Amino acid sequence: MGLGKTLQAIALLATRRGSGPHLVVCPTSVIGNWRRELGRFAPDLCVVVYHGAGRALPDDVSDAPVVLTSYSVLRTDTEDLTAVAWDCVVFDEAQQVKNPTSLAAKPPLDCLRR
């Protein structure tokens, strides 16, 4: 909608640098946009895209302050993603999980609520 929500979220993540890793969950179609916007507005943040066939989280996730992933990967890689103590979790296009009976709203979302 062009209201600057992505930029506000990036500003929050940038100001919480050093507080722990951050997870951004978004539709697959906007992962590239998030990566570009993070590079543009917070170029000093290390960004890891956790998506695709050969995906792997770094050994020390705190070395990668921002991890981008999709709702589908969140569902399939529950164990790997819930093993991390995320400082902030941002859900972009949250209508994906707005309906509590939808597949996207099922666990692991419950596991991320700590």
PDB file of N, CA and C in Angstrom:
ATOM      1  N   MET A   1       0.808  -1.194   0.000  1.00  0.00           N
ATOM      2  CA  MET A   1       0.000   0.000   0.000  1.00  0.00           C
ATOM      3  C   MET A   1       0.852   1.260   0.000  1.00  0.00           C
ATOM      4  N   GLY A   2       2.157   1.125   0.082  1.00  0.00           N
ATOM      5  CA  GLY A   2       3.009   2.301   0.020  1.00  0.00           C
ATOM      6  C   GLY A   2       2.974   3.157   1.271  1.00  0.00           C
ATOM      7  N   LEU A   3       2.716   2.543   2.413  1.00  0.00           N
ATOM      8  CA  LEU A   3       2.636   3.305   3.660  1.00  0.00           C
ATOM      9  C   LEU A   3       3.957   3.340   4.416  1.00  0.00           C
ATOM     10  N   GLY A   4       4.966   2.682   3.893  1.00  0.00           N
ATOM     11  CA  GLY A   4       6.276   2.696   4.531  1.00  0.00           C
ATOM     12  C   GLY A   4       6.453   1.665   5.629  1.00  0.00           C
ATOM     13  N   LYS A   5       5.609   0.642   5.647  1.00  0.00           N
ATOM     14  CA  LYS A   5       5.717  -0.367   6.706  1.00  0.00           C
ATOM     15  C   LYS A   5       7.025  -1.150   6.603  1.00  0.00           C
ATOM     16  N   THR A   6       7.439  -1.475   5.386  1.00  0.00           N
ATOM     17  CA  THR A   6       8.697  -2.214   5.217  1.00  0.00           C
ATOM     18  C   THR A   6       9.862  -1.385   5.732  1.00  0.00           C
ATOM     19  N   LEU A   7       9.890  -0.118   5.386  1.00  0.00           N
ATOM     20  CA  LEU A   7      10.971   0.759   5.852  1.00  0.00           C
ATOM     21  C   LEU A   7      10.950   0.886   7.371  1.00  0.00           C
ATOM     22  N   GLN A   8       9.772   0.974   7.958  1.00  0.00           N
ATOM     23  CA  GLN A   8       9.675   1.043   9.426  1.00  0.00           C
ATOM     24  C   GLN A   8      10.212  -0.235  10.059  1.00  0.00           C
ATOM     25  N   ALA A   9       9.888  -1.377   9.478  1.00  0.00           N
ATOM     26  CA  ALA A   9      10.393  -2.648  10.011  1.00  0.00           C
ATOM     27  C   ALA A   9      11.912  -2.725   9.875  1.00  0.00           C
ATOM     28  N   ILE A  10      12.439  -2.261   8.755  1.00  0.00           N
ATOM     29  CA  ILE A  10      13.893  -2.255   8.555  1.00  0.00           C
ATOM     30  C   ILE A  10      14.560  -1.349   9.581  1.00  0.00           C
ATOM     31  N   ALA A  11      13.973  -0.196   9.845  1.00  0.00           N
ATOM     32  CA  ALA A  11      14.523   0.723  10.849  1.00  0.00           C
ATOM     33  C   ALA A  11      14.541   0.057  12.224  1.00  0.00           C
ATOM     34  N   LEU A  12      13.482  -0.654  12.562  1.00  0.00           N
ATOM     35  CA  LEU A  12      13.444  -1.370  13.838  1.00  0.00           C
ATOM     36  C   LEU A  12      14.550  -2.412  13.903  1.00  0.00           C
ATOM     37  N   LEU A  13      14.687  -3.213  12.859  1.00  0.00           N
ATOM     38  CA  LEU A  13      15.715  -4.254  12.845  1.00  0.00           C
ATOM     39  C   LEU A  13      17.111  -3.644  12.941  1.00  0.00           C
ATOM     40  N   ALA A  14      17.330  -2.532  12.262  1.00  0.00           N
ATOM     41  CA  ALA A  14      18.645  -1.873  12.283  1.00  0.00           C
ATOM     42  C   ALA A  14      18.962  -1.323  13.672  1.00  0.00           C
ATOM     43  N   THR A  15      17.959  -0.815  14.366  1.00  0.00           N
ATOM     44  CA  THR A  15      18.217  -0.244  15.693  1.00  0.00           C
ATOM     45  C   THR A  15      18.382  -1.333  16.745  1.00  0.00           C
ATOM     46  N   ARG A  16      17.938  -2.531  16.465  1.00  0.00           N
ATOM     47  CA  ARG A  16      18.081  -3.641  17.410  1.00  0.00           C
ATOM     48  C   ARG A  16      19.290  -4.510  17.069  1.00  0.00           C
ATOM     49  N   ARG A  17      20.164  -3.995  16.246  1.00  0.00           N
ATOM     50  CA  ARG A  17      21.374  -4.733  15.876  1.00  0.00           C
ATOM     51  C   ARG A  17      22.146  -5.101  17.134  1.00  0.00           C
ATOM     52  N   GLY A  18      22.590  -6.336  17.203  1.00  0.00           N
ATOM     53  CA  GLY A  18      23.328  -6.806  18.368  1.00  0.00           C
ATOM     54  C   GLY A  18      22.433  -7.418  19.432  1.00  0.00           C
ATOM     55  N   SER A  19      21.119  -7.328  19.255  1.00  0.00           N
ATOM     56  CA  SER A  19      20.174  -7.897  20.219  1.00  0.00           C
ATOM     57  C   SER A  19      19.899  -9.366  19.943  1.00  0.00           C
ATOM     58  N   GLY A  20      20.375  -9.864  18.842  1.00  0.00           N
ATOM     59  CA  GLY A  20      20.112 -11.233  18.427  1.00  0.00           C
ATOM     60  C   GLY A  20      19.638 -11.239  16.997  1.00  0.00           C
ATOM     61  N   PRO A  21      19.468 -12.421  16.425  1.00  0.00           N
ATOM     62  CA  PRO A  21      19.047 -12.504  15.029  1.00  0.00           C
ATOM     63  C   PRO A  21      17.567 -12.151  14.870  1.00  0.00           C
ATOM     64  N   HIS A  22      17.230 -11.682  13.693  1.00  0.00           N
ATOM     65  CA  HIS A  22      15.861 -11.310  13.359  1.00  0.00           C
ATOM     66  C   HIS A  22      15.385 -12.181  12.195  1.00  0.00           C
ATOM     67  N   LEU A  23      14.121 -12.548  12.223  1.00  0.00           N
ATOM     68  CA  LEU A  23      13.528 -13.353  11.169  1.00  0.00           C
ATOM     69  C   LEU A  23      12.456 -12.540  10.470  1.00  0.00           C
ATOM     70  N   VAL A  24      12.514 -12.487   9.148  1.00  0.00           N
ATOM     71  CA  VAL A  24      11.474 -11.853   8.350  1.00  0.00           C
ATOM     72  C   VAL A  24      10.819 -12.951   7.525  1.00  0.00           C
ATOM     73  N   VAL A  25       9.507 -13.132   7.726  1.00  0.00           N
ATOM     74  CA  VAL A  25       8.732 -14.130   6.998  1.00  0.00           C
ATOM     75  C   VAL A  25       7.835 -13.379   6.031  1.00  0.00           C
ATOM     76  N   CYS A  26       7.920 -13.733   4.768  1.00  0.00           N
ATOM     77  CA  CYS A  26       7.145 -13.030   3.750  1.00  0.00           C
ATOM     78  C   CYS A  26       6.810 -13.990   2.613  1.00  0.00           C
ATOM     79  N   PRO A  27       5.904 -13.591   1.737  1.00  0.00           N
ATOM     80  CA  PRO A  27       5.645 -14.425   0.560  1.00  0.00           C
ATOM     81  C   PRO A  27       6.912 -14.549  -0.287  1.00  0.00           C
ATOM     82  N   THR A  28       7.060 -15.673  -0.938  1.00  0.00           N
ATOM     83  CA  THR A  28       8.230 -15.909  -1.786  1.00  0.00           C
ATOM     84  C   THR A  28       8.441 -14.782  -2.789  1.00  0.00           C
ATOM     85  N   SER A  29       7.363 -14.237  -3.297  1.00  0.00           N
ATOM     86  CA  SER A  29       7.457 -13.208  -4.338  1.00  0.00           C
ATOM     87  C   SER A  29       8.090 -11.908  -3.877  1.00  0.00           C
ATOM     88  N   VAL A  30       8.204 -11.677  -2.580  1.00  0.00           N
ATOM     89  CA  VAL A  30       8.785 -10.418  -2.117  1.00  0.00           C
ATOM     90  C   VAL A  30      10.107 -10.598  -1.363  1.00  0.00           C
ATOM     91  N   ILE A  31      10.652 -11.804  -1.340  1.00  0.00           N
ATOM     92  CA  ILE A  31      11.946 -12.013  -0.689  1.00  0.00           C
ATOM     93  C   ILE A  31      13.019 -11.137  -1.342  1.00  0.00           C
ATOM     94  N   GLY A  32      13.041 -11.095  -2.675  1.00  0.00           N
ATOM     95  CA  GLY A  32      14.017 -10.250  -3.371  1.00  0.00           C
ATOM     96  C   GLY A  32      13.842  -8.784  -3.047  1.00  0.00           C
ATOM     97  N   ASN A  33      12.607  -8.341  -2.916  1.00  0.00           N
ATOM     98  CA  ASN A  33      12.344  -6.944  -2.555  1.00  0.00           C
ATOM     99  C   ASN A  33      12.880  -6.638  -1.155  1.00  0.00           C
ATOM    100  N   TRP A  34      12.654  -7.523  -0.211  1.00  0.00           N
ATOM    101  CA  TRP A  34      13.182  -7.337   1.133  1.00  0.00           C
ATOM    102  C   TRP A  34      14.718  -7.257   1.112  1.00  0.00           C
ATOM    103  N   ARG A  35      15.333  -8.130   0.341  1.00  0.00           N
ATOM    104  CA  ARG A  35      16.800  -8.123   0.272  1.00  0.00           C
ATOM    105  C   ARG A  35      17.302  -6.796  -0.295  1.00  0.00           C
ATOM    106  N   ARG A  36      16.664  -6.316  -1.366  1.00  0.00           N
ATOM    107  CA  ARG A  36      17.056  -5.022  -1.955  1.00  0.00           C
ATOM    108  C   ARG A  36      16.831  -3.860  -0.993  1.00  0.00           C
ATOM    109  N   GLU A  37      15.684  -3.858  -0.331  1.00  0.00           N
ATOM    110  CA  GLU A  37      15.375  -2.757   0.585  1.00  0.00           C
ATOM    111  C   GLU A  37      16.304  -2.765   1.800  1.00  0.00           C
ATOM    112  N   LEU A  38      16.635  -3.930   2.315  1.00  0.00           N
ATOM    113  CA  LEU A  38      17.604  -4.003   3.417  1.00  0.00           C
ATOM    114  C   LEU A  38      18.969  -3.491   2.965  1.00  0.00           C
ATOM    115  N   GLY A  39      19.377  -3.859   1.755  1.00  0.00           N
ATOM    116  CA  GLY A  39      20.643  -3.370   1.220  1.00  0.00           C
ATOM    117  C   GLY A  39      20.648  -1.866   1.003  1.00  0.00           C
ATOM    118  N   ARG A  40      19.511  -1.334   0.662  1.00  0.00           N
ATOM    119  CA  ARG A  40      19.404   0.103   0.397  1.00  0.00           C
ATOM    120  C   ARG A  40      19.357   0.926   1.684  1.00  0.00           C
ATOM    121  N   PHE A  41      18.547   0.486   2.655  1.00  0.00           N
ATOM    122  CA  PHE A  41      18.310   1.291   3.844  1.00  0.00           C
ATOM    123  C   PHE A  41      19.104   0.861   5.075  1.00  0.00           C
ATOM    124  N   ALA A  42      19.637  -0.344   5.083  1.00  0.00           N
ATOM    125  CA  ALA A  42      20.456  -0.824   6.204  1.00  0.00           C
ATOM    126  C   ALA A  42      21.604  -1.664   5.646  1.00  0.00           C
ATOM    127  N   PRO A  43      22.479  -1.033   4.849  1.00  0.00           N
ATOM    128  CA  PRO A  43      23.528  -1.794   4.164  1.00  0.00           C
ATOM    129  C   PRO A  43      24.534  -2.470   5.090  1.00  0.00           C
ATOM    130  N   ASP A  44      24.587  -2.055   6.344  1.00  0.00           N
ATOM    131  CA  ASP A  44      25.536  -2.663   7.273  1.00  0.00           C
ATOM    132  C   ASP A  44      25.007  -3.943   7.913  1.00  0.00           C
ATOM    133  N   LEU A  45      23.729  -4.272   7.685  1.00  0.00           N
ATOM    134  CA  LEU A  45      23.172  -5.510   8.218  1.00  0.00           C
ATOM    135  C   LEU A  45      23.479  -6.681   7.291  1.00  0.00           C
ATOM    136  N   CYS A  46      23.933  -7.757   7.877  1.00  0.00           N
ATOM    137  CA  CYS A  46      24.142  -8.991   7.116  1.00  0.00           C
ATOM    138  C   CYS A  46      22.786  -9.651   6.920  1.00  0.00           C
ATOM    139  N   VAL A  47      22.490 -10.053   5.703  1.00  0.00           N
ATOM    140  CA  VAL A  47      21.202 -10.659   5.369  1.00  0.00           C
ATOM    141  C   VAL A  47      21.443 -12.045   4.785  1.00  0.00           C
ATOM    142  N   VAL A  48      20.700 -13.022   5.288  1.00  0.00           N
ATOM    143  CA  VAL A  48      20.755 -14.383   4.769  1.00  0.00           C
ATOM    144  C   VAL A  48      19.372 -14.734   4.249  1.00  0.00           C
ATOM    145  N   VAL A  49      19.314 -15.230   3.022  1.00  0.00           N
ATOM    146  CA  VAL A  49      18.050 -15.703   2.462  1.00  0.00           C
ATOM    147  C   VAL A  49      17.971 -17.202   2.727  1.00  0.00           C
ATOM    148  N   TYR A  50      17.005 -17.591   3.536  1.00  0.00           N
ATOM    149  CA  TYR A  50      16.797 -18.998   3.875  1.00  0.00           C
ATOM    150  C   TYR A  50      15.611 -19.491   3.058  1.00  0.00           C
ATOM    151  N   HIS A  51      15.909 -19.823   1.815  1.00  0.00           N
ATOM    152  CA  HIS A  51      14.868 -20.243   0.883  1.00  0.00           C
ATOM    153  C   HIS A  51      15.540 -20.963  -0.271  1.00  0.00           C
ATOM    154  N   GLY A  52      14.836 -21.834  -0.916  1.00  0.00           N
ATOM    155  CA  GLY A  52      15.383 -22.541  -2.063  1.00  0.00           C
ATOM    156  C   GLY A  52      15.881 -23.918  -1.700  1.00  0.00           C
ATOM    157  N   ALA A  53      16.288 -24.647  -2.703  1.00  0.00           N
ATOM    158  CA  ALA A  53      16.648 -26.058  -2.542  1.00  0.00           C
ATOM    159  C   ALA A  53      17.846 -26.278  -1.630  1.00  0.00           C
ATOM    160  N   GLY A  54      18.877 -25.470  -1.742  1.00  0.00           N
ATOM    161  CA  GLY A  54      20.089 -25.682  -0.964  1.00  0.00           C
ATOM    162  C   GLY A  54      20.159 -24.835   0.290  1.00  0.00           C
ATOM    163  N   ARG A  55      19.011 -24.470   0.851  1.00  0.00           N
ATOM    164  CA  ARG A  55      19.008 -23.542   1.981  1.00  0.00           C
ATOM    165  C   ARG A  55      19.657 -24.150   3.215  1.00  0.00           C
ATOM    166  N   ALA A  56      20.333 -23.289   3.955  1.00  0.00           N
ATOM    167  CA  ALA A  56      20.945 -23.688   5.217  1.00  0.00           C
ATOM    168  C   ALA A  56      21.152 -22.443   6.061  1.00  0.00           C
ATOM    169  N   LEU A  57      20.850 -22.571   7.325  1.00  0.00           N
ATOM    170  CA  LEU A  57      21.122 -21.479   8.242  1.00  0.00           C
ATOM    171  C   LEU A  57      22.611 -21.485   8.577  1.00  0.00           C
ATOM    172  N   PRO A  58      23.194 -20.324   8.815  1.00  0.00           N
ATOM    173  CA  PRO A  58      24.600 -20.296   9.234  1.00  0.00           C
ATOM    174  C   PRO A  58      24.768 -21.047  10.552  1.00  0.00           C
ATOM    175  N   ASP A  59      25.987 -21.540  10.811  1.00  0.00           N
ATOM    176  CA  ASP A  59      26.249 -22.243  12.072  1.00  0.00           C
ATOM    177  C   ASP A  59      25.924 -21.352  13.268  1.00  0.00           C
ATOM    178  N   ASP A  60      26.294 -20.086  13.165  1.00  0.00           N
ATOM    179  CA  ASP A  60      25.983 -19.125  14.215  1.00  0.00           C
ATOM    180  C   ASP A  60      25.052 -18.082  13.622  1.00  0.00           C
ATOM    181  N   VAL A  61      23.767 -18.229  13.864  1.00  0.00           N
ATOM    182  CA  VAL A  61      22.770 -17.344  13.258  1.00  0.00           C
ATOM    183  C   VAL A  61      22.953 -15.904  13.713  1.00  0.00           C
ATOM    184  N   SER A  62      23.562 -15.695  14.886  1.00  0.00           N
ATOM    185  CA  SER A  62      23.761 -14.325  15.350  1.00  0.00           C
ATOM    186  C   SER A  62      24.728 -13.557  14.450  1.00  0.00           C
ATOM    187  N   ASP A  63      25.516 -14.283  13.632  1.00  0.00           N
ATOM    188  CA  ASP A  63      26.388 -13.632  12.654  1.00  0.00           C
ATOM    189  C   ASP A  63      25.586 -13.077  11.483  1.00  0.00           C
ATOM    190  N   ALA A  64      24.365 -13.519  11.324  1.00  0.00           N
ATOM    191  CA  ALA A  64      23.484 -13.041  10.258  1.00  0.00           C
ATOM    192  C   ALA A  64      22.272 -12.398  10.916  1.00  0.00           C
ATOM    193  N   PRO A  65      22.346 -11.110  11.211  1.00  0.00           N
ATOM    194  CA  PRO A  65      21.281 -10.472  11.977  1.00  0.00           C
ATOM    195  C   PRO A  65      19.890 -10.588  11.362  1.00  0.00           C
ATOM    196  N   VAL A  66      19.779 -10.675  10.028  1.00  0.00           N
ATOM    197  CA  VAL A  66      18.462 -10.754   9.401  1.00  0.00           C
ATOM    198  C   VAL A  66      18.406 -11.989   8.507  1.00  0.00           C
ATOM    199  N   VAL A  67      17.433 -12.846   8.783  1.00  0.00           N
ATOM    200  CA  VAL A  67      17.200 -14.033   7.971  1.00  0.00           C
ATOM    201  C   VAL A  67      15.846 -13.864   7.291  1.00  0.00           C
ATOM    202  N   LEU A  68      15.833 -13.948   5.971  1.00  0.00           N
ATOM    203  CA  LEU A  68      14.599 -13.843   5.189  1.00  0.00           C
ATOM    204  C   LEU A  68      14.130 -15.233   4.805  1.00  0.00           C
ATOM    205  N   THR A  69      12.859 -15.494   4.994  1.00  0.00           N
ATOM    206  CA  THR A  69      12.294 -16.776   4.575  1.00  0.00           C
ATOM    207  C   THR A  69      10.845 -16.577   4.149  1.00  0.00           C
ATOM    208  N   SER A  70      10.252 -17.645   3.658  1.00  0.00           N
ATOM    209  CA  SER A  70       8.868 -17.572   3.182  1.00  0.00           C
ATOM    210  C   SER A  70       7.950 -18.337   4.129  1.00  0.00           C
ATOM    211  N   TYR A  71       6.657 -18.107   3.971  1.00  0.00           N
ATOM    212  CA  TYR A  71       5.675 -18.826   4.779  1.00  0.00           C
ATOM    213  C   TYR A  71       5.744 -20.329   4.526  1.00  0.00           C
ATOM    214  N   SER A  72       5.984 -20.736   3.288  1.00  0.00           N
ATOM    215  CA  SER A  72       6.050 -22.172   2.997  1.00  0.00           C
ATOM    216  C   SER A  72       7.263 -22.811   3.662  1.00  0.00           C
ATOM    217  N   VAL A  73       8.402 -22.135   3.672  1.00  0.00           N
ATOM    218  CA  VAL A  73       9.589 -22.684   4.341  1.00  0.00           C
ATOM    219  C   VAL A  73       9.381 -22.694   5.852  1.00  0.00           C
ATOM    220  N   LEU A  74       8.695 -21.701   6.370  1.00  0.00           N
ATOM    221  CA  LEU A  74       8.392 -21.675   7.801  1.00  0.00           C
ATOM    222  C   LEU A  74       7.615 -22.929   8.211  1.00  0.00           C
ATOM    223  N   ARG A  75       6.691 -23.352   7.361  1.00  0.00           N
ATOM    224  CA  ARG A  75       5.914 -24.563   7.655  1.00  0.00           C
ATOM    225  C   ARG A  75       6.746 -25.832   7.534  1.00  0.00           C
ATOM    226  N   THR A  76       7.617 -25.898   6.529  1.00  0.00           N
ATOM    227  CA  THR A  76       8.356 -27.144   6.288  1.00  0.00           C
ATOM    228  C   THR A  76       9.609 -27.291   7.146  1.00  0.00           C
ATOM    229  N   ASP A  77      10.214 -26.179   7.545  1.00  0.00           N
ATOM    230  CA  ASP A  77      11.476 -26.224   8.300  1.00  0.00           C
ATOM    231  C   ASP A  77      11.277 -25.779   9.750  1.00  0.00           C
ATOM    232  N   THR A  78      10.183 -26.220  10.328  1.00  0.00           N
ATOM    233  CA  THR A  78       9.814 -25.823  11.682  1.00  0.00           C
ATOM    234  C   THR A  78      10.934 -26.057  12.683  1.00  0.00           C
ATOM    235  N   GLU A  79      11.512 -27.239  12.647  1.00  0.00           N
ATOM    236  CA  GLU A  79      12.531 -27.594  13.636  1.00  0.00           C
ATOM    237  C   GLU A  79      13.735 -26.655  13.581  1.00  0.00           C
ATOM    238  N   ASP A  80      14.242 -26.385  12.385  1.00  0.00           N
ATOM    239  CA  ASP A  80      15.407 -25.510  12.243  1.00  0.00           C
ATOM    240  C   ASP A  80      15.101 -24.083  12.685  1.00  0.00           C
ATOM    241  N   LEU A  81      13.932 -23.575  12.308  1.00  0.00           N
ATOM    242  CA  LEU A  81      13.611 -22.179  12.597  1.00  0.00           C
ATOM    243  C   LEU A  81      13.204 -21.950  14.048  1.00  0.00           C
ATOM    244  N   THR A  82      12.572 -22.919  14.668  1.00  0.00           N
ATOM    245  CA  THR A  82      12.183 -22.731  16.069  1.00  0.00           C
ATOM    246  C   THR A  82      13.329 -23.021  17.030  1.00  0.00           C
ATOM    247  N   ALA A  83      14.428 -23.561  16.538  1.00  0.00           N
ATOM    248  CA  ALA A  83      15.591 -23.812  17.382  1.00  0.00           C
ATOM    249  C   ALA A  83      16.366 -22.526  17.677  1.00  0.00           C
ATOM    250  N   VAL A  84      16.062 -21.456  16.960  1.00  0.00           N
ATOM    251  CA  VAL A  84      16.767 -20.184  17.115  1.00  0.00           C
ATOM    252  C   VAL A  84      15.967 -19.271  18.043  1.00  0.00           C
ATOM    253  N   ALA A  85      16.646 -18.590  18.926  1.00  0.00           N
ATOM    254  CA  ALA A  85      16.004 -17.589  19.790  1.00  0.00           C
ATOM    255  C   ALA A  85      16.003 -16.256  19.046  1.00  0.00           C
ATOM    256  N   TRP A  86      14.973 -16.022  18.253  1.00  0.00           N
ATOM    257  CA  TRP A  86      14.886 -14.806  17.440  1.00  0.00           C
ATOM    258  C   TRP A  86      14.601 -13.609  18.334  1.00  0.00           C
ATOM    259  N   ASP A  87      15.278 -12.508  18.069  1.00  0.00           N
ATOM    260  CA  ASP A  87      15.010 -11.268  18.797  1.00  0.00           C
ATOM    261  C   ASP A  87      13.709 -10.642  18.304  1.00  0.00           C
ATOM    262  N   CYS A  88      13.560 -10.531  16.996  1.00  0.00           N
ATOM    263  CA  CYS A  88      12.345  -9.985  16.379  1.00  0.00           C
ATOM    264  C   CYS A  88      11.920 -10.915  15.251  1.00  0.00           C
ATOM    265  N   VAL A  89      10.620 -11.054  15.099  1.00  0.00           N
ATOM    266  CA  VAL A  89      10.065 -11.790  13.959  1.00  0.00           C
ATOM    267  C   VAL A  89       9.070 -10.860  13.282  1.00  0.00           C
ATOM    268  N   VAL A  90       9.302 -10.607  12.008  1.00  0.00           N
ATOM    269  CA  VAL A  90       8.435  -9.733  11.219  1.00  0.00           C
ATOM    270  C   VAL A  90       7.659 -10.600  10.240  1.00  0.00           C
ATOM    271  N   PHE A  91       6.347 -10.440  10.228  1.00  0.00           N
ATOM    272  CA  PHE A  91       5.493 -11.150   9.279  1.00  0.00           C
ATOM    273  C   PHE A  91       4.978 -10.138   8.267  1.00  0.00           C
ATOM    274  N   ASP A  92       5.517 -10.178   7.060  1.00  0.00           N
ATOM    275  CA  ASP A  92       5.072  -9.296   5.990  1.00  0.00           C
ATOM    276  C   ASP A  92       3.896  -9.966   5.280  1.00  0.00           C
ATOM    277  N   GLU A  93       2.981  -9.156   4.797  1.00  0.00           N
ATOM    278  CA  GLU A  93       1.778  -9.694   4.150  1.00  0.00           C
ATOM    279  C   GLU A  93       1.096 -10.678   5.102  1.00  0.00           C
ATOM    280  N   ALA A  94       0.844 -10.217   6.314  1.00  0.00           N
ATOM    281  CA  ALA A  94       0.367 -11.088   7.389  1.00  0.00           C
ATOM    282  C   ALA A  94      -1.029 -11.654   7.150  1.00  0.00           C
ATOM    283  N   GLN A  95      -1.698 -11.225   6.098  1.00  0.00           N
ATOM    284  CA  GLN A  95      -2.984 -11.852   5.806  1.00  0.00           C
ATOM    285  C   GLN A  95      -2.797 -13.338   5.545  1.00  0.00           C
ATOM    286  N   GLN A  96      -1.558 -13.746   5.255  1.00  0.00           N
ATOM    287  CA  GLN A  96      -1.239 -15.162   5.070  1.00  0.00           C
ATOM    288  C   GLN A  96      -1.565 -15.975   6.325  1.00  0.00           C
ATOM    289  N   VAL A  97      -1.475 -15.354   7.497  1.00  0.00           N
ATOM    290  CA  VAL A  97      -1.697 -16.066   8.752  1.00  0.00           C
ATOM    291  C   VAL A  97      -2.866 -15.491   9.551  1.00  0.00           C
ATOM    292  N   LYS A  98      -3.585 -14.563   8.956  1.00  0.00           N
ATOM    293  CA  LYS A  98      -4.668 -13.886   9.676  1.00  0.00           C
ATOM    294  C   LYS A  98      -5.798 -14.841  10.044  1.00  0.00           C
ATOM    295  N   ASN A  99      -6.122 -15.770   9.188  1.00  0.00           N
ATOM    296  CA  ASN A  99      -7.181 -16.735   9.449  1.00  0.00           C
ATOM    297  C   ASN A  99      -6.594 -17.882  10.270  1.00  0.00           C
ATOM    298  N   PRO A 100      -6.984 -18.026  11.540  1.00  0.00           N
ATOM    299  CA  PRO A 100      -6.371 -19.053  12.395  1.00  0.00           C
ATOM    300  C   PRO A 100      -6.627 -20.483  11.949  1.00  0.00           C
ATOM    301  N   THR A 101      -7.585 -20.696  11.044  1.00  0.00           N
ATOM    302  CA  THR A 101      -7.846 -22.062  10.571  1.00  0.00           C
ATOM    303  C   THR A 101      -7.081 -22.386   9.289  1.00  0.00           C
ATOM    304  N   SER A 102      -6.356 -21.411   8.739  1.00  0.00           N
ATOM    305  CA  SER A 102      -5.613 -21.652   7.503  1.00  0.00           C
ATOM    306  C   SER A 102      -4.359 -22.464   7.778  1.00  0.00           C
ATOM    307  N   LEU A 103      -3.844 -23.112   6.755  1.00  0.00           N
ATOM    308  CA  LEU A 103      -2.619 -23.898   6.881  1.00  0.00           C
ATOM    309  C   LEU A 103      -1.451 -23.020   7.310  1.00  0.00           C
ATOM    310  N   ALA A 104      -1.379 -21.794   6.785  1.00  0.00           N
ATOM    311  CA  ALA A 104      -0.267 -20.901   7.112  1.00  0.00           C
ATOM    312  C   ALA A 104      -0.255 -20.519   8.581  1.00  0.00           C
ATOM    313  N   ALA A 105      -1.396 -20.522   9.242  1.00  0.00           N
ATOM    314  CA  ALA A 105      -1.469 -20.112  10.645  1.00  0.00           C
ATOM    315  C   ALA A 105      -1.232 -21.261  11.617  1.00  0.00           C
ATOM    316  N   LYS A 106      -1.157 -22.467  11.120  1.00  0.00           N
ATOM    317  CA  LYS A 106      -0.917 -23.616  11.986  1.00  0.00           C
ATOM    318  C   LYS A 106       0.526 -23.590  12.481  1.00  0.00           C
ATOM    319  N   PRO A 107       0.852 -24.422  13.463  1.00  0.00           N
ATOM    320  CA  PRO A 107       2.247 -24.470  13.906  1.00  0.00           C
ATOM    321  C   PRO A 107       3.150 -24.619  12.694  1.00  0.00           C
ATOM    322  N   PRO A 108       4.265 -23.949  12.669  1.00  0.00           N
ATOM    323  CA  PRO A 108       5.106 -23.535  13.774  1.00  0.00           C
ATOM    324  C   PRO A 108       4.841 -22.157  14.338  1.00  0.00           C
ATOM    325  N   LEU A 109       3.856 -21.443  13.880  1.00  0.00           N
ATOM    326  CA  LEU A 109       3.620 -20.108  14.425  1.00  0.00           C
ATOM    327  C   LEU A 109       3.466 -20.164  15.937  1.00  0.00           C
ATOM    328  N   ASP A 110       2.822 -21.192  16.448  1.00  0.00           N
ATOM    329  CA  ASP A 110       2.680 -21.325  17.896  1.00  0.00           C
ATOM    330  C   ASP A 110       4.050 -21.446  18.553  1.00  0.00           C
ATOM    331  N   CYS A 111       4.981 -22.093  17.900  1.00  0.00           N
ATOM    332  CA  CYS A 111       6.312 -22.276  18.453  1.00  0.00           C
ATOM    333  C   CYS A 111       7.103 -20.975  18.484  1.00  0.00           C
ATOM    334  N   LEU A 112       6.796 -20.031  17.601  1.00  0.00           N
ATOM    335  CA  LEU A 112       7.503 -18.766  17.568  1.00  0.00           C
ATOM    336  C   LEU A 112       6.991 -17.811  18.629  1.00  0.00           C
ATOM    337  N   ARG A 113       5.845 -18.081  19.199  1.00  0.00           N
ATOM    338  CA  ARG A 113       5.285 -17.223  20.257  1.00  0.00           C
ATOM    339  C   ARG A 113       5.873 -17.678  21.579  1.00  0.00           C
ATOM    340  N   ARG A 114       6.855 -16.951  22.061  1.00  0.00           N
ATOM    341  CA  ARG A 114       7.517 -17.336  23.315  1.00  0.00           C
ATOM    342  C   ARG A 114       7.278 -16.313  24.374  1.00  0.00           C
TER     343      ARG A 114
END
